[in-house]
Amino acid sequence: MNTFKKKLVFRIVLTVLGGIGGFLYWKYVGCASGTCPIQSKWYFSTLYGLVIAYLISGLFIPSKKKNKVNENNVEK
């Protein structure tokens, strides 16, 4: 499996776990009065969990950094 596929699978798995977490949060914590905008409906809470997990998953994927060597500072 190449690096791109590993990153994609990692991101998908983390996003799905976030959606499950959002749903479980709605189910067990939720909002009894129905006035909470995110927690009142199961699909809002699940979608919020998906989005937050997707954004957080980007923090764990290292970006490509090119090593630029300044030719003037190279020891000879």
N, C-alpha and C. Protein backbone atom coordinates (compact mmCIF):
# COMPACT_ATOMS: atom_id res chain seq x y z
N MET A 1 0.85 -1.17 0.00
CA MET A 1 0.00 0.00 0.00
C MET A 1 0.90 1.24 0.00
N ASN A 2 0.65 2.13 -0.91
CA ASN A 2 1.49 3.32 -0.96
C ASN A 2 1.05 4.35 0.08
N THR A 3 1.84 5.39 0.20
CA THR A 3 1.63 6.39 1.25
C THR A 3 0.29 7.11 1.09
N PHE A 4 -0.08 7.43 -0.14
CA PHE A 4 -1.34 8.14 -0.37
C PHE A 4 -2.53 7.31 0.11
N LYS A 5 -2.53 6.02 -0.19
CA LYS A 5 -3.63 5.16 0.22
C LYS A 5 -3.69 5.03 1.74
N LYS A 6 -2.53 4.96 2.39
CA LYS A 6 -2.51 4.86 3.84
C LYS A 6 -3.10 6.13 4.47
N LYS A 7 -2.73 7.28 3.94
CA LYS A 7 -3.26 8.54 4.45
C LYS A 7 -4.77 8.62 4.24
N LEU A 8 -5.23 8.18 3.07
CA LEU A 8 -6.65 8.23 2.76
C LEU A 8 -7.44 7.30 3.67
N VAL A 9 -6.94 6.08 3.85
CA VAL A 9 -7.63 5.13 4.73
C VAL A 9 -7.66 5.65 6.16
N PHE A 10 -6.55 6.22 6.62
CA PHE A 10 -6.49 6.79 7.97
C PHE A 10 -7.53 7.89 8.13
N ARG A 11 -7.61 8.75 7.15
CA ARG A 11 -8.56 9.87 7.21
C ARG A 11 -10.01 9.39 7.18
N ILE A 12 -10.29 8.40 6.35
CA ILE A 12 -11.65 7.86 6.26
C ILE A 12 -12.05 7.19 7.57
N VAL A 13 -11.16 6.38 8.13
CA VAL A 13 -11.46 5.67 9.39
C VAL A 13 -11.69 6.68 10.51
N LEU A 14 -10.84 7.67 10.62
CA LEU A 14 -10.99 8.67 11.67
C LEU A 14 -12.29 9.47 11.49
N THR A 15 -12.65 9.77 10.26
CA THR A 15 -13.88 10.52 9.99
C THR A 15 -15.11 9.70 10.37
N VAL A 16 -15.10 8.42 10.02
CA VAL A 16 -16.23 7.55 10.37
C VAL A 16 -16.34 7.41 11.89
N LEU A 17 -15.21 7.28 12.57
CA LEU A 17 -15.24 7.22 14.04
C LEU A 17 -15.79 8.51 14.63
N GLY A 18 -15.49 9.64 14.02
CA GLY A 18 -16.04 10.91 14.48
C GLY A 18 -17.55 10.97 14.30
N GLY A 19 -18.03 10.44 13.19
CA GLY A 19 -19.47 10.39 12.97
C GLY A 19 -20.17 9.50 13.98
N ILE A 20 -19.55 8.37 14.27
CA ILE A 20 -20.11 7.46 15.28
C ILE A 20 -20.09 8.14 16.65
N GLY A 21 -19.00 8.84 16.93
CA GLY A 21 -18.92 9.57 18.20
C GLY A 21 -19.98 10.65 18.31
N GLY A 22 -20.22 11.37 17.21
CA GLY A 22 -21.27 12.39 17.21
C GLY A 22 -22.65 11.81 17.44
N PHE A 23 -22.90 10.65 16.83
CA PHE A 23 -24.19 9.98 17.02
C PHE A 23 -24.35 9.51 18.47
N LEU A 24 -23.28 8.91 19.01
CA LEU A 24 -23.35 8.43 20.39
C LEU A 24 -23.50 9.58 21.37
N TYR A 25 -22.88 10.71 21.06
CA TYR A 25 -23.05 11.89 21.90
C TYR A 25 -24.51 12.32 21.91
N TRP A 26 -25.14 12.34 20.74
CA TRP A 26 -26.56 12.70 20.66
C TRP A 26 -27.41 11.72 21.45
N LYS A 27 -27.10 10.43 21.31
CA LYS A 27 -27.92 9.39 21.94
C LYS A 27 -27.82 9.41 23.46
N TYR A 28 -26.61 9.56 24.00
CA TYR A 28 -26.44 9.43 25.44
C TYR A 28 -26.37 10.76 26.19
N VAL A 29 -25.97 11.84 25.53
CA VAL A 29 -25.91 13.14 26.20
C VAL A 29 -27.02 14.03 25.67
N GLY A 30 -26.95 14.34 24.38
CA GLY A 30 -28.00 15.06 23.69
C GLY A 30 -28.48 16.33 24.33
N CYS A 31 -29.70 16.69 23.97
CA CYS A 31 -30.32 17.91 24.47
C CYS A 31 -31.80 17.59 24.70
N ALA A 32 -32.20 17.51 25.93
CA ALA A 32 -33.56 17.09 26.27
C ALA A 32 -34.61 18.12 25.85
N SER A 33 -34.26 19.39 25.90
CA SER A 33 -35.26 20.42 25.62
C SER A 33 -35.49 20.62 24.11
N GLY A 34 -34.51 20.23 23.30
CA GLY A 34 -34.65 20.40 21.86
C GLY A 34 -34.25 21.78 21.36
N THR A 35 -33.72 22.61 22.24
CA THR A 35 -33.34 23.96 21.84
C THR A 35 -31.87 24.09 21.45
N CYS A 36 -31.11 23.04 21.64
CA CYS A 36 -29.69 23.07 21.27
C CYS A 36 -29.58 22.82 19.76
N PRO A 37 -28.94 23.72 19.02
CA PRO A 37 -28.95 23.59 17.56
C PRO A 37 -28.21 22.36 17.03
N ILE A 38 -27.12 21.96 17.65
CA ILE A 38 -26.37 20.82 17.13
C ILE A 38 -26.85 19.52 17.76
N GLN A 39 -27.16 19.52 19.02
CA GLN A 39 -27.46 18.29 19.73
C GLN A 39 -28.93 17.88 19.67
N SER A 40 -29.80 18.69 19.12
CA SER A 40 -31.22 18.36 19.14
C SER A 40 -31.60 17.30 18.12
N LYS A 41 -30.92 17.22 17.00
CA LYS A 41 -31.22 16.23 15.96
C LYS A 41 -30.02 15.31 15.79
N TRP A 42 -30.29 14.03 15.56
CA TRP A 42 -29.19 13.07 15.45
C TRP A 42 -28.32 13.34 14.23
N TYR A 43 -28.89 13.82 13.14
CA TYR A 43 -28.09 14.01 11.93
C TYR A 43 -27.20 15.25 12.03
N PHE A 44 -27.62 16.27 12.79
CA PHE A 44 -26.74 17.43 13.01
C PHE A 44 -25.52 17.03 13.85
N SER A 45 -25.80 16.28 14.90
CA SER A 45 -24.72 15.85 15.78
C SER A 45 -23.75 14.92 15.06
N THR A 46 -24.27 14.02 14.24
CA THR A 46 -23.42 13.10 13.48
C THR A 46 -22.61 13.86 12.44
N LEU A 47 -23.23 14.77 11.75
CA LEU A 47 -22.52 15.57 10.75
C LEU A 47 -21.43 16.42 11.40
N TYR A 48 -21.73 16.99 12.54
CA TYR A 48 -20.74 17.79 13.28
C TYR A 48 -19.55 16.91 13.68
N GLY A 49 -19.82 15.71 14.15
CA GLY A 49 -18.75 14.78 14.50
C GLY A 49 -17.90 14.41 13.30
N LEU A 50 -18.55 14.20 12.15
CA LEU A 50 -17.82 13.88 10.91
C LEU A 50 -16.88 15.03 10.50
N VAL A 51 -17.40 16.23 10.51
CA VAL A 51 -16.61 17.39 10.07
C VAL A 51 -15.44 17.64 11.01
N ILE A 52 -15.69 17.61 12.29
CA ILE A 52 -14.63 17.86 13.26
C ILE A 52 -13.56 16.78 13.17
N ALA A 53 -13.95 15.52 13.04
CA ALA A 53 -12.98 14.43 12.93
C ALA A 53 -12.17 14.54 11.65
N TYR A 54 -12.81 14.95 10.55
CA TYR A 54 -12.08 15.12 9.29
C TYR A 54 -11.03 16.22 9.43
N LEU A 55 -11.39 17.30 10.05
CA LEU A 55 -10.44 18.41 10.22
C LEU A 55 -9.31 18.02 11.16
N ILE A 56 -9.62 17.31 12.22
CA ILE A 56 -8.59 16.89 13.16
C ILE A 56 -7.67 15.84 12.54
N SER A 57 -8.21 14.99 11.68
CA SER A 57 -7.37 13.97 11.05
C SER A 57 -6.27 14.59 10.19
N GLY A 58 -6.51 15.78 9.67
CA GLY A 58 -5.49 16.46 8.88
C GLY A 58 -4.30 16.89 9.71
N LEU A 59 -4.48 17.02 11.02
CA LEU A 59 -3.37 17.39 11.89
C LEU A 59 -2.36 16.26 12.06
N PHE A 60 -2.80 15.01 11.89
CA PHE A 60 -1.93 13.87 12.12
C PHE A 60 -1.21 13.40 10.87
N ILE A 61 -1.54 13.97 9.72
CA ILE A 61 -0.90 13.58 8.47
C ILE A 61 0.22 14.56 8.19
N PRO A 62 1.45 14.08 8.17
CA PRO A 62 2.57 15.01 7.92
C PRO A 62 2.54 15.51 6.48
N SER A 63 2.87 16.77 6.33
CA SER A 63 2.90 17.33 4.99
C SER A 63 4.29 17.13 4.40
N LYS A 64 4.37 17.23 3.09
CA LYS A 64 5.66 17.09 2.43
C LYS A 64 6.46 18.37 2.64
N LYS A 65 7.66 18.19 3.08
CA LYS A 65 8.55 19.34 3.24
C LYS A 65 9.79 19.06 2.40
N LYS A 66 10.05 19.96 1.52
CA LYS A 66 11.23 19.81 0.69
C LYS A 66 12.43 20.40 1.41
N ASN A 67 13.49 19.65 1.42
CA ASN A 67 14.71 20.13 2.03
C ASN A 67 15.46 20.97 1.02
N LYS A 68 15.40 22.25 1.21
CA LYS A 68 16.10 23.16 0.31
C LYS A 68 17.44 23.49 0.94
N VAL A 69 18.47 23.19 0.24
CA VAL A 69 19.81 23.45 0.74
C VAL A 69 20.29 24.74 0.10
N ASN A 70 20.64 25.67 0.93
CA ASN A 70 21.18 26.92 0.44
C ASN A 70 22.62 26.67 0.03
N GLU A 71 22.91 26.84 -1.23
CA GLU A 71 24.22 26.50 -1.76
C GLU A 71 25.32 27.38 -1.19
N ASN A 72 24.99 28.54 -0.69
CA ASN A 72 25.99 29.45 -0.13
C ASN A 72 26.42 29.01 1.27
N ASN A 73 25.56 28.28 1.99
CA ASN A 73 25.87 27.89 3.35
C ASN A 73 26.41 26.47 3.47
N VAL A 74 26.62 25.80 2.39
CA VAL A 74 27.11 24.42 2.42
C VAL A 74 28.60 24.44 2.70
N GLU A 75 29.01 23.61 3.68
CA GLU A 75 30.43 23.54 3.99
C GLU A 75 31.15 22.78 2.91
N LYS A 76 32.36 23.27 2.59
CA LYS A 76 33.15 22.61 1.54
C LYS A 76 34.38 21.99 2.12
